[in-house]
Protein backbone atom coordinates (compact mmCIF):
# COMPACT_ATOMS: atom_id res chain seq x y z
CA MET A 1 -0.02 0.15 -0.14
CA SER A 2 1.14 3.44 -0.90
CA LYS A 3 1.59 6.10 1.67
CA GLN A 4 -1.33 8.05 -0.24
CA ALA A 5 -3.29 5.12 0.17
CA GLU A 6 -2.37 4.76 4.12
CA PHE A 7 -3.53 8.41 4.32
CA ALA A 8 -6.55 8.14 2.67
CA VAL A 9 -7.45 5.09 4.94
CA ILE A 10 -6.72 7.59 8.06
CA LEU A 11 -8.93 10.31 6.59
CA LYS A 12 -11.60 7.48 6.14
CA MET A 13 -11.29 6.60 9.86
CA ASN A 14 -11.56 10.47 10.77
CA ALA A 15 -15.34 11.63 11.11
CA MET A 16 -14.14 14.94 9.70
CA PHE A 17 -13.65 12.73 5.98
CA ALA A 18 -15.98 9.53 6.84
CA ASP A 19 -18.52 10.56 4.38
CA LEU A 20 -16.33 11.35 1.45
CA GLY A 21 -15.95 8.33 -1.56
CA ALA A 22 -12.99 6.97 -2.82
CA ASP A 23 -12.24 9.23 -5.52
CA GLU A 24 -12.30 12.11 -2.83
CA LEU A 25 -10.24 10.33 -0.54
CA GLN A 26 -7.60 9.74 -3.13
CA ARG A 27 -7.47 13.35 -4.36
CA LEU A 28 -6.77 14.67 -0.85
CA SER A 29 -4.31 12.24 -0.17
CA ASN A 30 -2.18 12.91 -2.95
CA LEU A 31 -1.89 16.57 -1.83
CA CYS A 32 0.13 14.96 1.32
CA HIS A 33 3.64 14.38 1.61
CA THR A 34 5.38 12.72 5.08
CA GLN A 35 7.74 14.02 7.56
CA HIS A 36 10.15 12.23 10.38
CA LEU A 37 10.33 13.46 13.89
CA GLY A 38 13.02 11.99 16.57
CA ASN A 39 11.98 11.24 20.26
CA GLY A 40 11.29 14.68 21.81
CA GLU A 41 11.74 16.67 18.40
CA VAL A 42 9.33 19.79 18.41
CA LEU A 43 7.03 19.50 15.44
CA PHE A 44 5.66 23.34 16.21
CA GLN A 45 5.36 25.48 19.27
CA LYS A 46 2.72 27.89 20.38
CA GLY A 47 2.53 30.71 18.43
CA ASP A 48 4.07 29.50 15.10
CA ALA A 49 2.12 29.84 11.80
CA GLY A 50 -0.97 27.31 11.39
CA ASN A 51 0.12 26.18 7.84
CA ALA A 52 -0.66 22.66 7.89
CA LEU A 53 -2.81 19.28 9.05
CA PHE A 54 -1.03 16.62 10.24
CA GLY A 55 -1.87 12.63 10.53
CA VAL A 56 0.44 10.21 12.67
CA ARG A 57 0.95 7.31 10.65
CA ARG A 58 3.39 5.80 13.37
CA GLY A 59 4.59 6.94 16.56
CA GLN A 60 2.71 9.76 19.14
CA VAL A 61 2.75 13.37 19.24
CA ARG A 62 2.05 15.19 22.38
CA ILE A 63 -0.18 18.22 22.74
CA GLU A 64 0.87 20.47 25.22
CA THR A 65 0.98 23.82 26.41
CA GLY A 66 2.51 25.55 29.31
CA ALA A 67 1.19 26.91 32.86
CA SER A 68 2.18 30.11 34.61
CA ASP A 69 4.33 28.09 36.83
CA GLY A 70 6.62 26.88 34.72
CA SER A 71 4.90 23.15 34.33
CA ARG A 72 3.50 21.35 31.36
CA LEU A 73 -0.24 20.35 30.72
CA THR A 74 -0.70 17.91 28.26
CA LEU A 75 -3.89 18.30 26.49
CA ASN A 76 -3.69 15.47 24.37
CA PHE A 77 -1.95 12.67 22.76
CA MET A 78 -2.08 11.74 19.19
CA GLY A 79 -1.29 8.06 18.15
CA PRO A 80 -0.98 6.21 14.71
CA GLY A 81 -4.89 7.25 12.71
CA ASP A 82 -5.23 10.62 14.47
CA LEU A 83 -5.33 13.95 12.63
CA PHE A 84 -4.71 17.14 14.30
CA GLY A 85 -4.00 20.66 13.62
CA GLU A 86 -7.53 21.35 12.47
CA VAL A 87 -8.24 24.64 13.99
CA ALA A 88 -5.10 26.62 12.73
CA VAL A 89 -5.01 25.06 9.23
CA LEU A 90 -8.68 26.45 8.78
CA ASP A 91 -8.26 29.82 10.00
CA GLY A 92 -4.32 30.54 9.27
CA GLN A 93 -3.98 31.93 12.80
CA ASN A 94 -0.72 30.82 15.03
CA ARG A 95 -0.70 27.55 16.77
CA THR A 96 -2.31 27.61 20.30
CA ALA A 97 -0.54 24.79 21.82
CA ASP A 98 3.07 22.99 21.47
CA ALA A 99 3.51 19.77 19.47
CA THR A 100 6.30 17.40 20.42
CA ALA A 101 6.93 13.68 19.62
CA GLY A 102 6.72 11.41 22.55
CA GLU A 103 8.62 8.99 20.27
CA ALA A 104 10.37 8.86 16.82
CA SER A 105 7.49 9.18 14.50
CA GLU A 106 6.20 9.42 11.13
CA LEU A 107 3.65 12.02 10.47
CA PHE A 108 1.38 12.70 7.01
CA VAL A 109 1.19 16.58 6.19
CA LEU A 110 -1.48 18.57 4.05
CA ARG A 111 -0.48 22.19 3.71
CA ARG A 112 -3.12 24.91 4.22
CA GLU A 113 -3.23 26.08 1.00
CA ASP A 114 -3.80 22.89 -0.50
CA PHE A 115 -6.34 21.90 1.70
CA LEU A 116 -8.28 25.01 1.43
CA SER A 117 -8.04 24.61 -2.34
CA PHE A 118 -9.59 21.37 -2.05
CA LEU A 119 -12.54 22.43 0.35
CA GLU A 120 -13.52 25.31 -2.33
CA ARG A 121 -14.01 22.35 -4.09
CA GLU A 122 -15.85 19.88 -1.84
CA PRO A 123 -18.04 22.02 0.37
CA LYS A 124 -19.44 19.08 2.16
CA VAL A 125 -16.24 18.12 3.94
CA ALA A 126 -16.56 21.85 5.05
CA ILE A 127 -19.85 20.84 6.97
CA LYS A 128 -18.02 17.91 8.46
CA ILE A 129 -15.41 20.13 10.07
CA ILE A 130 -17.94 22.56 11.52
CA ALA A 131 -19.15 19.14 13.23
CA LEU A 132 -15.77 18.41 14.36
CA LEU A 133 -14.99 21.41 15.78
CA CYS A 134 -18.31 21.25 17.93
CA GLN A 135 -17.27 17.80 19.14
CA ARG A 136 -14.24 19.36 20.07
CA ILE A 137 -15.62 22.16 22.35
CA ARG A 138 -17.87 19.43 23.80
CA TRP A 139 -14.53 17.43 24.49
CA GLN A 140 -12.94 19.95 26.19
CA SER A 141 -16.31 21.33 28.19
CA GLU A 142 -16.49 17.38 29.63
CA ARG A 143 -12.54 17.94 30.61
CA MET A 144 -12.98 21.16 32.54
CA GLU A 145 -16.13 19.22 34.26
CA GLU A 146 -14.03 16.57 35.35
CA SER A 147 -11.51 18.76 37.12
CA MET A 148 -14.23 20.63 38.75
CA LEU A 149 -16.71 18.10 39.86
CA GLN A 150 -15.14 14.33 39.55
CA PRO A 151 -12.90 12.87 41.91
CA LEU A 152 -9.52 11.74 41.14
CA PRO A 153 -9.94 8.07 40.82
CA VAL A 154 -12.72 8.69 38.16
CA ARG A 155 -10.66 11.41 36.12
CA LEU A 156 -7.74 8.94 35.96
CA ALA A 157 -9.62 5.65 35.14
CA ARG A 158 -11.23 8.15 32.26
CA ARG A 159 -7.74 9.19 31.00
CA LEU A 160 -6.44 5.52 31.14
CA CYS A 161 -9.44 4.19 29.35
CA ALA A 162 -9.01 7.15 26.49
CA LEU A 163 -5.43 6.05 26.31
CA ALA A 164 -5.81 2.51 26.11
CA ALA A 165 -8.40 3.14 23.25
CA ASP A 166 -5.70 4.82 21.40
CA PHE A 167 -2.50 3.06 22.58
CA GLY A 168 -3.72 -0.58 23.61
CA SER A 169 -3.50 -1.76 27.17
CA GLU A 170 0.20 -0.84 27.41
CA VAL A 171 0.31 2.67 28.12
CA HIS A 172 3.52 4.64 27.77
CA ILE A 173 3.48 7.98 30.23
CA SER A 174 4.73 8.63 33.35
CA GLN A 175 3.13 9.34 36.24
CA GLU A 176 3.84 12.94 36.27
CA GLN A 177 2.86 13.44 32.81
CA LEU A 178 -0.53 11.74 34.17
CA GLY A 179 -0.93 13.67 37.18
CA VAL A 180 -0.57 17.13 34.70
CA PHE A 181 -3.17 15.44 32.39
CA VAL A 182 -5.94 14.91 35.40
CA GLY A 183 -5.09 18.15 37.22
CA ALA A 184 -3.30 16.39 40.16
CA ALA A 185 -0.09 15.94 41.75
CA ARG A 186 2.26 13.17 41.31
CA GLU A 187 1.92 11.62 44.78
CA SER A 188 -1.83 11.48 44.25
CA VAL A 189 -1.60 9.75 41.39
CA ASN A 190 0.81 7.17 42.72
CA ARG A 191 -1.42 6.42 45.87
CA GLN A 192 -4.32 5.75 43.66
CA LEU A 193 -2.24 3.65 40.98
CA GLN A 194 -0.37 1.37 43.63
CA ALA A 195 -4.01 0.88 45.18
CA TRP A 196 -5.25 -0.29 41.79
CA ARG A 197 -1.94 -2.17 41.37
CA LYS A 198 -3.14 -4.28 44.67
CA GLU A 199 -6.01 -4.87 43.38
CA ALA A 200 -5.06 -6.53 40.18
CA ILE A 201 -6.21 -3.56 37.98
CA LEU A 202 -3.00 -2.57 36.50
CA ASP A 203 0.96 -3.14 36.87
CA LEU A 204 3.13 -0.55 36.89
CA GLN A 205 6.54 -0.37 35.20
CA ARG A 206 9.11 2.25 34.56
CA GLY A 207 7.55 4.75 32.16
CA ARG A 208 4.61 2.88 31.49
CA ILE A 209 1.46 1.31 32.85
CA LEU A 210 -0.06 -2.22 31.94
CA LEU A 211 -3.97 -2.17 32.49
CA ARG A 212 -5.09 -5.64 33.51
CA ASN A 213 -8.74 -5.28 34.31
CA MET A 214 -10.38 -3.05 31.63
CA THR A 215 -13.80 -4.10 33.18
CA LYS A 216 -13.04 -2.83 36.53
CA LEU A 217 -11.07 0.33 35.20
CA THR A 218 -14.67 1.33 32.69
CA ALA A 219 -16.26 0.67 35.68
CA ILE A 220 -14.41 2.97 37.85
CA ALA A 221 -14.70 5.58 35.12
CA ARG A 222 -18.17 5.27 34.77
CA ASN A 223 -18.28 6.37 38.52
CA GLU A 224 -20.14 2.86 39.12
């Protein structure tokens, strides 16, 4: 399978492009090129020009921002099959967060000028993008609600379930990163993870978490 065909598959998996036909997907994917990143390499920083849409072919990209105290807040993890950069590539404004490779990665890149030209020819894609952006707003609202109203075990279980959906039962993330992700101190995260380890819900290894009982973890995430 060619790289363009792989990108077409990724596009088809994304809600924004799911209703496009094979010919439309092929025309769009033919506009892409690939870019390689080393572990820890910065793809873009907050304030950079929003000049491309990205899709992850392999690897992992962290979307992060800085807090006033100098700490880092991880907004999302992007893995194989994920697309990101939709907002900036549409409005042409500066990036609102940083993107850094969490491991050696290969990305599909679709330049803004090529993408906008395609949208002019395919207005139904623009309608899908509007729906996707609304979905993102809802997701952000849910995260805000979690941080304000839900107890730590629920927030932590939801984040782990979400990561497992993207990356499988072996999640490569440090407890410090996970703490930033759920808005809690590393010590609090560690205490909860250790409690779940004793219950055989998960296992802890250096820099990664092995999820052993997704049924129980999902129940906790649902606050059951």
